[in-house]
Amino acid sequence: MTDDLFLNPTRATYATVAESYNDFVPPIRDDIEDRALLTAFADLVRDGPVADLGCGTGLVTAFLASLGLDVAGIDLTPEMLAVARRNHPELRFSEGSLLALDLPDGGLAGAVAWYSIIHTPPSSLPVVAAELFRVLRPGGHLQLGFHVGDRRHHRSDGYGHEGFSLDIYWLPVDRVADLMSDAGFEILTKVLRNPGARVPQGRVLARKPE
């Protein structure tokens, strides 16, 4: 599979699970650590527009909006966006890919990619990192969330459905941080959550230098 072809199975999978997705993913307000982390991120980016990249059904977008941010969501899958617009009609959502965002250079004060890099083959992550760097203004902040490990995990069921085909890449926290650093970001924090869990979670907060 060439790198850009991962978009097709990813889009098809999330089209299948869009209506059931929220039944299986808890809201941010139920996770005290991530709520605190995203609230701290919000305090850094209040002076400009923010994008939730790979927003899915808008759970993180809505949480950031509740904190007073000027935030819009972008996602690959029209069916996920339809749920987001239905559940959050007051917010803005549009279709797009992390590989080539339809956003101007340096237009964002902040960007969140919350479990949206996990389906990108590692060889394409430098392209994603470069796009994230491009769309942030100098001094802008990036918050990443992802699965931690060093493997490709293939799924054919989940979110109440089966029969789909989806690759998920688990990456070490330091490798993700290094990818962002190589793109030009300053790394502010690296977090490994639940290291003994079946699927540990990673968080990286980065800043585009002034």
Protein backbone atom coordinates (compact mmCIF):
# COMPACT_ATOMS: atom_id res chain seq x y z
CA MET A 1 0.00 0.00 0.00
CA THR A 2 1.42 3.38 -0.95
CA ASP A 3 1.29 5.89 1.85
CA ASP A 4 -1.59 7.99 0.56
CA LEU A 5 -3.77 4.92 -0.05
CA PHE A 6 -4.24 4.50 3.71
CA LEU A 7 -6.77 7.31 3.42
CA ASN A 8 -9.28 5.07 1.62
CA PRO A 9 -9.65 2.31 4.26
CA THR A 10 -9.51 4.91 7.03
CA ARG A 11 -12.32 6.92 5.45
CA ALA A 12 -14.36 3.77 4.75
CA THR A 13 -13.98 2.47 8.30
CA TYR A 14 -15.08 5.69 9.96
CA ALA A 15 -17.97 6.00 7.53
CA THR A 16 -19.13 2.60 8.80
CA VAL A 17 -18.80 3.41 12.51
CA ALA A 18 -19.82 7.08 12.47
CA GLU A 19 -23.27 6.62 14.01
CA SER A 20 -22.04 4.35 16.82
CA TYR A 21 -18.70 6.04 17.50
CA ASN A 22 -19.87 8.27 20.35
CA ASP A 23 -21.37 5.29 22.17
CA PHE A 24 -17.88 3.82 22.62
CA VAL A 25 -15.70 6.91 23.13
CA PRO A 26 -16.10 8.70 26.47
CA PRO A 27 -16.31 12.50 26.45
CA ILE A 28 -13.25 14.49 27.46
CA ARG A 29 -14.99 15.75 30.60
CA ASP A 30 -14.93 12.19 31.98
CA ASP A 31 -11.10 12.01 31.86
CA ILE A 32 -9.60 14.29 34.49
CA GLU A 33 -6.04 14.14 33.10
CA ASP A 34 -6.95 14.91 29.50
CA ARG A 35 -9.42 17.55 30.62
CA ALA A 36 -6.62 19.27 32.53
CA LEU A 37 -4.19 18.90 29.63
CA LEU A 38 -6.57 20.35 27.04
CA THR A 39 -7.60 23.14 29.39
CA ALA A 40 -3.93 24.09 29.77
CA PHE A 41 -3.56 23.97 25.98
CA ALA A 42 -6.58 26.26 25.64
CA ASP A 43 -4.95 28.82 27.92
CA LEU A 44 -2.01 28.99 25.47
CA VAL A 45 -4.07 29.62 22.32
CA ARG A 46 -6.88 31.97 23.35
CA ASP A 47 -5.64 34.79 21.13
CA GLY A 48 -6.44 33.24 17.77
CA PRO A 49 -8.17 30.52 15.74
CA VAL A 50 -7.71 26.86 16.61
CA ALA A 51 -8.26 23.73 14.50
CA ASP A 52 -9.20 20.27 15.76
CA LEU A 53 -7.57 18.17 13.04
CA GLY A 54 -9.08 14.73 12.63
CA CYS A 55 -12.04 15.89 14.70
CA GLY A 56 -14.28 12.87 14.09
CA THR A 57 -17.69 13.52 15.61
CA GLY A 58 -16.50 16.73 17.27
CA LEU A 59 -16.01 15.59 20.86
CA VAL A 60 -12.75 17.49 21.35
CA THR A 61 -13.93 20.38 19.17
CA ALA A 62 -16.95 20.86 21.43
CA PHE A 63 -14.85 20.63 24.59
CA LEU A 64 -12.44 23.28 23.33
CA ALA A 65 -15.35 25.50 22.31
CA SER A 66 -16.78 25.16 25.83
CA LEU A 67 -13.50 26.65 27.07
CA GLY A 68 -14.10 29.75 24.96
CA LEU A 69 -11.84 28.99 21.99
CA ASP A 70 -12.53 30.01 18.40
CA VAL A 71 -12.25 26.43 17.16
CA ALA A 72 -13.25 24.57 13.99
CA GLY A 73 -13.05 20.85 13.21
CA ILE A 74 -11.58 19.16 10.14
CA ASP A 75 -11.97 15.46 9.35
CA LEU A 76 -11.37 13.01 6.52
CA THR A 77 -14.77 11.30 6.67
CA PRO A 78 -18.03 12.98 5.57
CA GLU A 79 -20.15 10.62 7.68
CA MET A 80 -18.26 11.56 10.85
CA LEU A 81 -18.67 15.23 9.97
CA ALA A 82 -22.40 14.73 9.49
CA VAL A 83 -22.65 13.45 13.07
CA ALA A 84 -20.48 16.33 14.30
CA ARG A 85 -22.69 18.92 12.59
CA ARG A 86 -25.85 17.27 13.90
CA ASN A 87 -24.56 17.11 17.47
CA HIS A 88 -22.88 20.52 17.45
CA PRO A 89 -24.74 22.72 14.96
CA GLU A 90 -23.21 25.86 16.45
CA LEU A 91 -19.67 24.81 15.48
CA ARG A 92 -17.83 24.80 12.15
CA PHE A 93 -16.69 21.57 10.50
CA SER A 94 -15.10 20.84 7.13
CA GLU A 95 -13.56 17.94 5.23
CA GLY A 96 -9.82 17.61 4.83
CA SER A 97 -6.69 15.49 5.20
CA LEU A 98 -3.65 15.96 7.43
CA LEU A 99 -1.47 15.32 4.38
CA ALA A 100 -2.67 18.52 2.66
CA LEU A 101 -4.73 20.88 4.80
CA ASP A 102 -6.81 23.54 3.06
CA LEU A 103 -5.57 26.17 5.49
CA PRO A 104 -3.34 29.22 4.94
CA ASP A 105 0.25 29.37 6.05
CA GLY A 106 0.60 30.57 9.62
CA GLY A 107 -3.10 31.08 10.19
CA LEU A 108 -3.64 29.16 13.43
CA ALA A 109 -2.84 30.00 17.03
CA GLY A 110 -3.30 26.35 17.93
CA ALA A 111 -3.93 22.90 16.51
CA VAL A 112 -5.01 19.65 18.13
CA ALA A 113 -4.42 16.27 16.47
CA TRP A 114 -6.14 13.97 18.95
CA TYR A 115 -5.59 10.36 17.85
CA SER A 116 -5.61 11.54 14.25
CA ILE A 117 -2.01 10.62 13.38
CA ILE A 118 -2.52 6.99 14.42
CA HIS A 119 -3.64 5.77 10.98
CA THR A 120 -0.80 7.45 9.09
CA PRO A 121 2.05 5.14 8.05
CA PRO A 122 5.24 6.25 9.81
CA SER A 123 6.90 7.04 6.48
CA SER A 124 4.21 9.71 5.87
CA LEU A 125 4.38 11.30 9.31
CA PRO A 126 7.08 13.80 8.26
CA VAL A 127 4.61 15.14 5.67
CA VAL A 128 1.96 15.49 8.39
CA ALA A 129 4.43 17.16 10.75
CA ALA A 130 5.40 19.64 8.03
CA GLU A 131 1.74 20.47 7.39
CA LEU A 132 1.11 21.03 11.10
CA PHE A 133 4.12 23.33 11.25
CA ARG A 134 3.00 25.21 8.13
CA VAL A 135 -0.51 26.07 9.31
CA LEU A 136 0.56 27.33 12.75
CA ARG A 137 1.70 30.90 13.17
CA PRO A 138 4.99 31.64 14.93
CA GLY A 139 4.40 31.05 18.62
CA GLY A 140 1.46 28.72 17.87
CA HIS A 141 0.97 25.51 19.84
CA LEU A 142 0.28 21.92 18.80
CA GLN A 143 -1.24 19.24 21.05
CA LEU A 144 -0.98 15.59 19.98
CA GLY A 145 -2.61 12.47 21.43
CA PHE A 146 -1.74 8.96 20.20
CA HIS A 147 -1.25 5.29 21.07
CA VAL A 148 2.18 4.31 22.39
CA GLY A 149 4.16 1.26 21.31
CA ASP A 150 6.23 0.21 18.33
CA ARG A 151 4.00 -1.77 16.03
CA ARG A 152 1.25 -1.77 13.42
CA HIS A 153 -2.03 -3.00 14.86
CA HIS A 154 -4.68 -4.17 12.39
CA ARG A 155 -8.36 -4.05 13.32
CA SER A 156 -11.34 -5.57 11.56
CA ASP A 157 -13.97 -4.84 14.22
CA GLY A 158 -14.82 -2.21 16.79
CA TYR A 159 -17.32 0.50 17.73
CA GLY A 160 -20.10 -2.06 17.38
CA HIS A 161 -19.16 -3.11 13.84
CA GLU A 162 -17.04 -5.74 12.13
CA GLY A 163 -15.74 -6.53 8.68
CA PHE A 164 -13.73 -3.36 8.11
CA SER A 165 -9.96 -3.06 7.60
CA LEU A 166 -8.01 -0.46 9.56
CA ASP A 167 -4.34 -0.08 10.46
CA ILE A 168 -3.36 1.68 13.68
CA TYR A 169 0.25 2.64 14.33
CA TRP A 170 1.52 2.64 17.92
CA LEU A 171 4.58 4.86 18.29
CA PRO A 172 7.04 5.64 21.08
CA VAL A 173 6.57 9.07 22.63
CA ASP A 174 10.15 10.05 21.88
CA ARG A 175 9.76 9.12 18.21
CA VAL A 176 6.70 11.33 17.83
CA ALA A 177 8.50 14.16 19.62
CA ASP A 178 11.52 13.72 17.35
CA LEU A 179 9.31 13.86 14.24
CA MET A 180 7.86 17.15 15.41
CA SER A 181 11.28 18.48 16.36
CA ASP A 182 12.63 17.57 12.92
CA ALA A 183 9.78 19.59 11.38
CA GLY A 184 10.91 22.64 13.35
CA PHE A 185 8.81 22.46 16.51
CA GLU A 186 10.07 23.13 20.00
CA ILE A 187 8.92 20.28 22.26
CA LEU A 188 7.40 21.56 25.50
CA THR A 189 6.05 18.41 27.18
CA LYS A 190 6.10 14.66 26.58
CA VAL A 191 3.70 12.46 28.54
CA LEU A 192 3.33 8.69 28.74
CA ARG A 193 -0.03 7.78 30.25
CA ASN A 194 -0.81 4.38 31.77
CA PRO A 195 2.50 2.71 30.78
CA GLY A 196 1.33 -0.66 32.13
CA ALA A 197 -1.96 -0.63 30.24
CA ARG A 198 -2.72 -2.82 27.23
CA VAL A 199 -2.49 0.28 25.03
CA PRO A 200 -0.48 3.09 26.67
CA GLN A 201 -1.26 6.63 25.57
CA GLY A 202 1.08 9.44 24.57
CA ARG A 203 0.76 13.20 24.65
CA VAL A 204 3.14 15.72 23.07
CA LEU A 205 2.79 19.50 23.36
CA ALA A 206 4.90 21.48 20.88
CA ARG A 207 5.38 25.10 19.89
CA LYS A 208 6.34 26.72 16.59
CA PRO A 209 9.20 29.09 17.42
CA GLU A 210 8.68 32.83 17.11
